[in-house]
């Protein structure tokens, strides 16, 4: 496991933008698969975006074309650029890491062994 610290959330109007950051501890960050999940009140935690060590990315259909996940291995940091935000994007966003190297489904939260504390994103209409 590694320590993950999420940041960058806040209150934004619809159609606005935010960039989330997740800083990770450890010396082997470049080998981790990283992802962002989100959880709205009363709903289950859901996959948003993921990025493999090869930098191959995957997105939930609901955010495709609006969100971009990226990583900076020199800074041990993963980012989520969120554009054209909608009120339905309101949630707590969590960074997650798979550090074990065995990943069956990048979209399945059970495949991640480390989690950030979460950062609140609120989009007003």
Protein backbone atom coordinates (compact mmCIF):
# COMPACT_ATOMS: atom_id res chain seq x y z
CA UNK A 1 0.00 0.00 0.00
CA UNK A 2 0.92 3.63 -0.46
CA UNK A 3 -0.28 6.91 0.99
CA UNK A 4 -2.39 9.01 -1.36
CA UNK A 5 -3.35 12.64 -0.79
CA UNK A 6 -6.16 14.07 -2.92
CA UNK A 7 -6.60 17.78 -3.51
CA UNK A 8 -8.14 20.32 -5.86
CA UNK A 9 -11.84 19.98 -5.20
CA UNK A 10 -14.17 22.91 -4.70
CA UNK A 11 -17.34 24.69 -5.77
CA UNK A 12 -17.72 25.56 -9.44
CA UNK A 13 -20.54 26.63 -11.70
CA UNK A 14 -21.86 24.38 -14.45
CA UNK A 15 -19.63 24.37 -17.55
CA UNK A 16 -16.66 25.30 -15.37
CA UNK A 17 -13.41 23.40 -14.86
CA UNK A 18 -11.39 21.93 -12.01
CA UNK A 19 -8.18 19.96 -11.80
CA UNK A 20 -7.77 17.34 -9.12
CA UNK A 21 -4.38 16.12 -7.98
CA UNK A 22 -3.31 13.01 -6.13
CA UNK A 23 0.17 12.79 -4.65
CA UNK A 24 1.52 9.34 -3.83
CA UNK A 25 4.29 8.17 -1.55
CA UNK A 26 6.74 5.47 -2.50
CA UNK A 27 9.48 4.94 -5.03
CA UNK A 28 7.68 2.76 -7.55
CA UNK A 29 4.81 5.05 -8.52
CA UNK A 30 5.52 4.54 -12.21
CA UNK A 31 4.49 0.88 -11.90
CA UNK A 32 1.08 1.58 -10.34
CA UNK A 33 -2.23 1.67 -12.10
CA UNK A 34 -3.98 4.82 -10.88
CA UNK A 35 -7.62 5.75 -11.02
CA UNK A 36 -10.25 8.21 -9.90
CA UNK A 37 -13.58 7.14 -8.46
CA UNK A 38 -16.43 9.25 -7.15
CA UNK A 39 -19.28 8.83 -4.74
CA UNK A 40 -22.39 10.98 -4.64
CA UNK A 41 -24.69 11.06 -1.59
CA UNK A 42 -26.78 7.91 -1.41
CA UNK A 43 -24.98 6.28 -4.32
CA UNK A 44 -22.29 3.67 -4.69
CA UNK A 45 -18.72 4.61 -5.47
CA UNK A 46 -18.21 4.56 -9.23
CA UNK A 47 -15.30 4.50 -11.64
CA UNK A 48 -14.43 7.78 -13.36
CA UNK A 49 -11.07 7.31 -15.08
CA UNK A 50 -7.99 5.12 -14.92
CA UNK A 51 -4.44 5.17 -16.25
CA UNK A 52 -2.09 2.22 -16.51
CA UNK A 53 1.69 2.29 -16.14
CA UNK A 54 1.80 2.32 -19.94
CA UNK A 55 -0.34 5.51 -19.82
CA UNK A 56 -3.24 3.75 -21.51
CA UNK A 57 -6.40 5.42 -20.22
CA UNK A 58 -10.00 4.41 -19.69
CA UNK A 59 -13.03 6.56 -18.91
CA UNK A 60 -16.57 6.15 -17.73
CA UNK A 61 -18.99 6.93 -20.54
CA UNK A 62 -20.49 9.76 -18.49
CA UNK A 63 -17.22 11.71 -18.47
CA UNK A 64 -15.68 10.73 -21.80
CA UNK A 65 -14.69 13.80 -23.79
CA UNK A 66 -14.91 16.08 -20.75
CA UNK A 67 -12.40 14.61 -18.27
CA UNK A 68 -8.74 13.77 -18.82
CA UNK A 69 -6.57 11.66 -16.55
CA UNK A 70 -2.81 12.03 -16.68
CA UNK A 71 0.23 11.18 -14.62
CA UNK A 72 3.61 12.72 -13.86
CA UNK A 73 5.86 9.93 -12.67
CA UNK A 74 8.66 12.36 -11.77
CA UNK A 75 6.28 14.00 -9.26
CA UNK A 76 4.48 10.81 -8.15
CA UNK A 77 1.24 12.55 -9.04
CA UNK A 78 -1.89 11.75 -11.01
CA UNK A 79 -4.28 14.42 -12.23
CA UNK A 80 -7.89 14.62 -13.30
CA UNK A 81 -8.70 17.59 -15.50
CA UNK A 82 -12.45 18.12 -15.46
CA UNK A 83 -14.03 20.40 -18.05
CA UNK A 84 -17.64 21.22 -18.92
CA UNK A 85 -18.69 20.19 -15.46
CA UNK A 86 -22.33 19.32 -14.81
CA UNK A 87 -24.34 19.31 -11.59
CA UNK A 88 -24.47 15.52 -11.81
CA UNK A 89 -20.67 15.46 -11.45
CA UNK A 90 -21.11 16.59 -7.84
CA UNK A 91 -19.51 13.98 -5.58
CA UNK A 92 -16.56 13.18 -3.40
CA UNK A 93 -13.71 12.18 -5.69
CA UNK A 94 -11.22 9.55 -4.55
CA UNK A 95 -7.84 8.69 -5.95
CA UNK A 96 -6.95 4.99 -5.95
CA UNK A 97 -3.85 2.94 -6.64
CA UNK A 98 -3.24 -0.66 -7.60
CA UNK A 99 0.28 -1.33 -6.37
CA UNK A 100 0.35 -5.10 -6.74
CA UNK A 101 0.52 -5.24 -10.50
CA UNK A 102 -2.33 -7.70 -10.90
CA UNK A 103 -5.36 -5.88 -12.26
CA UNK A 104 -8.30 -7.77 -13.68
CA UNK A 105 -10.57 -4.81 -14.33
CA UNK A 106 -9.42 -1.20 -14.24
CA UNK A 107 -13.03 -0.14 -13.53
CA UNK A 108 -13.51 -2.36 -10.47
CA UNK A 109 -12.81 -0.66 -7.14
CA UNK A 110 -11.99 -4.05 -5.60
CA UNK A 111 -8.79 -4.11 -7.66
CA UNK A 112 -7.33 -1.12 -5.79
CA UNK A 113 -5.43 -1.46 -2.53
CA UNK A 114 -4.77 2.18 -1.63
CA UNK A 115 -7.16 5.13 -1.44
CA UNK A 116 -6.95 8.84 -0.89
CA UNK A 117 -9.07 10.64 1.67
CA UNK A 118 -11.35 12.16 -0.97
CA UNK A 119 -11.95 15.69 -2.18
CA UNK A 120 -15.39 17.28 -2.57
CA UNK A 121 -16.47 18.58 -5.96
CA UNK A 122 -19.69 20.58 -6.08
CA UNK A 123 -21.12 21.85 -9.35
CA UNK A 124 -23.89 24.42 -9.15
CA UNK A 125 -26.45 24.93 -11.88
